[in-house]
Amino acid sequence: MNILNTPPLLRYVARVKTSDGKLSGEFVDWFTDNDDARATYRVIMEQQGYEVKTITVENQTAVVEIK
């Protein structure tokens, strides 16, 4: 999925770099270590029409799986 072809997401969690879709700086630890942050992000994405299947953290990398 190319992030450039998706509708704009609210920037609640972080400023997303459009070149690679990664979270920037201090937001990484906050998002990967905080269940409430991930739950809030899920709600924001679903409000914008995405169906979120899972949000997982693997070695400080957050993976958001959407349909």
N, C-alpha and C. Protein backbone atom coordinates (compact mmCIF):
# COMPACT_ATOMS: atom_id res chain seq x y z
N MET A 1 0.84 -1.18 0.00
CA MET A 1 0.00 0.00 0.00
C MET A 1 0.88 1.24 0.00
N ASN A 2 0.65 2.12 -0.93
CA ASN A 2 1.42 3.35 -1.04
C ASN A 2 0.74 4.44 -0.23
N ILE A 3 1.44 4.96 0.76
CA ILE A 3 0.84 5.98 1.64
C ILE A 3 0.46 7.23 0.86
N LEU A 4 1.11 7.47 -0.28
CA LEU A 4 0.79 8.66 -1.06
C LEU A 4 -0.58 8.56 -1.72
N ASN A 5 -1.11 7.35 -1.86
CA ASN A 5 -2.41 7.16 -2.50
C ASN A 5 -3.56 7.03 -1.51
N THR A 6 -3.31 7.27 -0.21
CA THR A 6 -4.36 7.14 0.80
C THR A 6 -4.90 8.52 1.17
N PRO A 7 -6.13 8.58 1.68
CA PRO A 7 -6.63 9.87 2.16
C PRO A 7 -5.77 10.37 3.32
N PRO A 8 -5.69 11.67 3.53
CA PRO A 8 -4.86 12.20 4.60
C PRO A 8 -5.36 11.71 5.97
N LEU A 9 -4.46 11.27 6.81
CA LEU A 9 -4.80 10.86 8.18
C LEU A 9 -4.56 12.04 9.12
N LEU A 10 -5.35 12.11 10.16
CA LEU A 10 -5.09 13.11 11.19
C LEU A 10 -3.71 12.85 11.77
N ARG A 11 -3.01 13.90 12.12
CA ARG A 11 -1.64 13.75 12.62
C ARG A 11 -1.60 13.71 14.15
N TYR A 12 -2.50 12.94 14.75
CA TYR A 12 -2.55 12.83 16.21
C TYR A 12 -1.33 12.11 16.74
N VAL A 13 -0.95 11.03 16.10
CA VAL A 13 0.14 10.21 16.61
C VAL A 13 1.48 10.81 16.28
N ALA A 14 1.68 11.25 15.06
CA ALA A 14 2.98 11.77 14.67
C ALA A 14 2.89 12.45 13.33
N ARG A 15 3.95 13.14 12.98
CA ARG A 15 4.08 13.63 11.63
C ARG A 15 4.62 12.46 10.81
N VAL A 16 3.83 11.98 9.88
CA VAL A 16 4.24 10.82 9.10
C VAL A 16 5.06 11.30 7.91
N LYS A 17 6.24 10.71 7.76
CA LYS A 17 7.06 11.04 6.61
C LYS A 17 6.46 10.35 5.40
N THR A 18 6.04 11.09 4.42
CA THR A 18 5.36 10.48 3.28
C THR A 18 6.30 9.61 2.45
N SER A 19 7.59 9.77 2.61
CA SER A 19 8.51 8.96 1.81
C SER A 19 8.58 7.52 2.30
N ASP A 20 8.43 7.29 3.60
CA ASP A 20 8.55 5.92 4.09
C ASP A 20 7.48 5.53 5.10
N GLY A 21 6.62 6.44 5.50
CA GLY A 21 5.52 6.10 6.40
C GLY A 21 5.91 5.82 7.83
N LYS A 22 7.14 6.18 8.23
CA LYS A 22 7.59 5.90 9.59
C LYS A 22 7.27 7.06 10.53
N LEU A 23 7.09 6.73 11.81
CA LEU A 23 6.88 7.76 12.82
C LEU A 23 8.19 8.46 13.09
N SER A 24 8.12 9.73 13.45
CA SER A 24 9.34 10.49 13.66
C SER A 24 9.67 10.63 15.14
N GLY A 25 10.95 10.63 15.41
CA GLY A 25 11.53 10.96 16.70
C GLY A 25 10.86 10.43 17.94
N GLU A 26 10.50 11.37 18.84
CA GLU A 26 9.99 11.01 20.16
C GLU A 26 8.66 10.30 20.12
N PHE A 27 7.95 10.36 19.00
CA PHE A 27 6.65 9.71 18.91
C PHE A 27 6.77 8.19 18.85
N VAL A 28 7.93 7.68 18.41
CA VAL A 28 8.08 6.24 18.24
C VAL A 28 7.88 5.51 19.56
N ASP A 29 8.63 5.90 20.60
CA ASP A 29 8.52 5.22 21.90
C ASP A 29 7.12 5.38 22.48
N TRP A 30 6.55 6.56 22.37
CA TRP A 30 5.21 6.81 22.91
C TRP A 30 4.19 5.89 22.26
N PHE A 31 4.27 5.73 20.93
CA PHE A 31 3.29 4.91 20.22
C PHE A 31 3.52 3.42 20.45
N THR A 32 4.77 2.98 20.42
CA THR A 32 5.05 1.55 20.54
C THR A 32 4.92 1.05 21.97
N ASP A 33 5.06 1.94 22.97
CA ASP A 33 5.00 1.52 24.37
C ASP A 33 3.66 1.80 25.03
N ASN A 34 2.69 2.34 24.31
CA ASN A 34 1.47 2.82 24.94
C ASN A 34 0.23 2.23 24.26
N ASP A 35 -0.44 1.30 24.97
CA ASP A 35 -1.64 0.66 24.41
C ASP A 35 -2.74 1.68 24.11
N ASP A 36 -2.89 2.69 24.98
CA ASP A 36 -3.93 3.71 24.76
C ASP A 36 -3.67 4.52 23.49
N ALA A 37 -2.40 4.80 23.21
CA ALA A 37 -2.06 5.54 21.99
C ALA A 37 -2.46 4.74 20.76
N ARG A 38 -2.20 3.45 20.78
CA ARG A 38 -2.56 2.61 19.63
C ARG A 38 -4.07 2.49 19.49
N ALA A 39 -4.78 2.40 20.61
CA ALA A 39 -6.24 2.32 20.56
C ALA A 39 -6.83 3.62 20.01
N THR A 40 -6.28 4.74 20.41
CA THR A 40 -6.75 6.03 19.91
C THR A 40 -6.50 6.15 18.42
N TYR A 41 -5.33 5.71 17.97
CA TYR A 41 -5.00 5.76 16.54
C TYR A 41 -5.95 4.88 15.74
N ARG A 42 -6.30 3.72 16.29
CA ARG A 42 -7.26 2.83 15.62
C ARG A 42 -8.60 3.56 15.41
N VAL A 43 -9.09 4.24 16.45
CA VAL A 43 -10.36 4.96 16.35
C VAL A 43 -10.28 6.05 15.29
N ILE A 44 -9.18 6.80 15.28
CA ILE A 44 -9.01 7.87 14.29
C ILE A 44 -9.02 7.31 12.88
N MET A 45 -8.32 6.21 12.66
CA MET A 45 -8.28 5.61 11.32
C MET A 45 -9.65 5.10 10.91
N GLU A 46 -10.37 4.47 11.85
CA GLU A 46 -11.70 3.95 11.53
C GLU A 46 -12.69 5.08 11.24
N GLN A 47 -12.54 6.22 11.93
CA GLN A 47 -13.40 7.37 11.65
C GLN A 47 -13.17 7.90 10.24
N GLN A 48 -11.98 7.65 9.70
CA GLN A 48 -11.66 8.11 8.35
C GLN A 48 -11.91 7.04 7.29
N GLY A 49 -12.58 5.96 7.70
CA GLY A 49 -13.01 4.97 6.72
C GLY A 49 -12.13 3.75 6.56
N TYR A 50 -11.05 3.65 7.33
CA TYR A 50 -10.20 2.47 7.26
C TYR A 50 -10.76 1.37 8.15
N GLU A 51 -10.58 0.13 7.76
CA GLU A 51 -10.90 -1.00 8.63
C GLU A 51 -9.57 -1.55 9.14
N VAL A 52 -9.29 -1.32 10.42
CA VAL A 52 -8.02 -1.73 11.02
C VAL A 52 -8.14 -3.17 11.48
N LYS A 53 -7.29 -4.04 10.95
CA LYS A 53 -7.30 -5.44 11.37
C LYS A 53 -6.50 -5.62 12.65
N THR A 54 -5.26 -5.16 12.66
CA THR A 54 -4.41 -5.31 13.84
C THR A 54 -3.45 -4.14 13.94
N ILE A 55 -3.02 -3.86 15.17
CA ILE A 55 -1.90 -2.97 15.42
C ILE A 55 -0.97 -3.74 16.34
N THR A 56 0.21 -4.08 15.85
CA THR A 56 1.16 -4.85 16.64
C THR A 56 2.49 -4.12 16.72
N VAL A 57 3.28 -4.48 17.72
CA VAL A 57 4.60 -3.91 17.88
C VAL A 57 5.61 -5.04 17.86
N GLU A 58 6.58 -4.93 16.96
CA GLU A 58 7.63 -5.93 16.84
C GLU A 58 8.98 -5.22 16.87
N ASN A 59 9.73 -5.41 17.94
CA ASN A 59 11.05 -4.79 18.06
C ASN A 59 11.00 -3.28 17.82
N GLN A 60 10.11 -2.61 18.52
CA GLN A 60 9.93 -1.16 18.44
C GLN A 60 9.46 -0.69 17.07
N THR A 61 8.95 -1.59 16.24
CA THR A 61 8.33 -1.21 14.97
C THR A 61 6.84 -1.47 15.08
N ALA A 62 6.04 -0.44 14.92
CA ALA A 62 4.59 -0.59 14.97
C ALA A 62 4.09 -0.95 13.58
N VAL A 63 3.27 -2.00 13.51
CA VAL A 63 2.70 -2.44 12.25
C VAL A 63 1.19 -2.27 12.33
N VAL A 64 0.64 -1.44 11.45
CA VAL A 64 -0.81 -1.22 11.39
C VAL A 64 -1.31 -1.93 10.15
N GLU A 65 -2.08 -3.00 10.35
CA GLU A 65 -2.61 -3.78 9.23
C GLU A 65 -4.03 -3.32 8.96
N ILE A 66 -4.26 -2.83 7.73
CA ILE A 66 -5.59 -2.34 7.36
C ILE A 66 -6.11 -3.09 6.15
N LYS A 67 -7.44 -3.00 5.95
CA LYS A 67 -8.05 -3.59 4.75
C LYS A 67 -8.22 -2.51 3.72
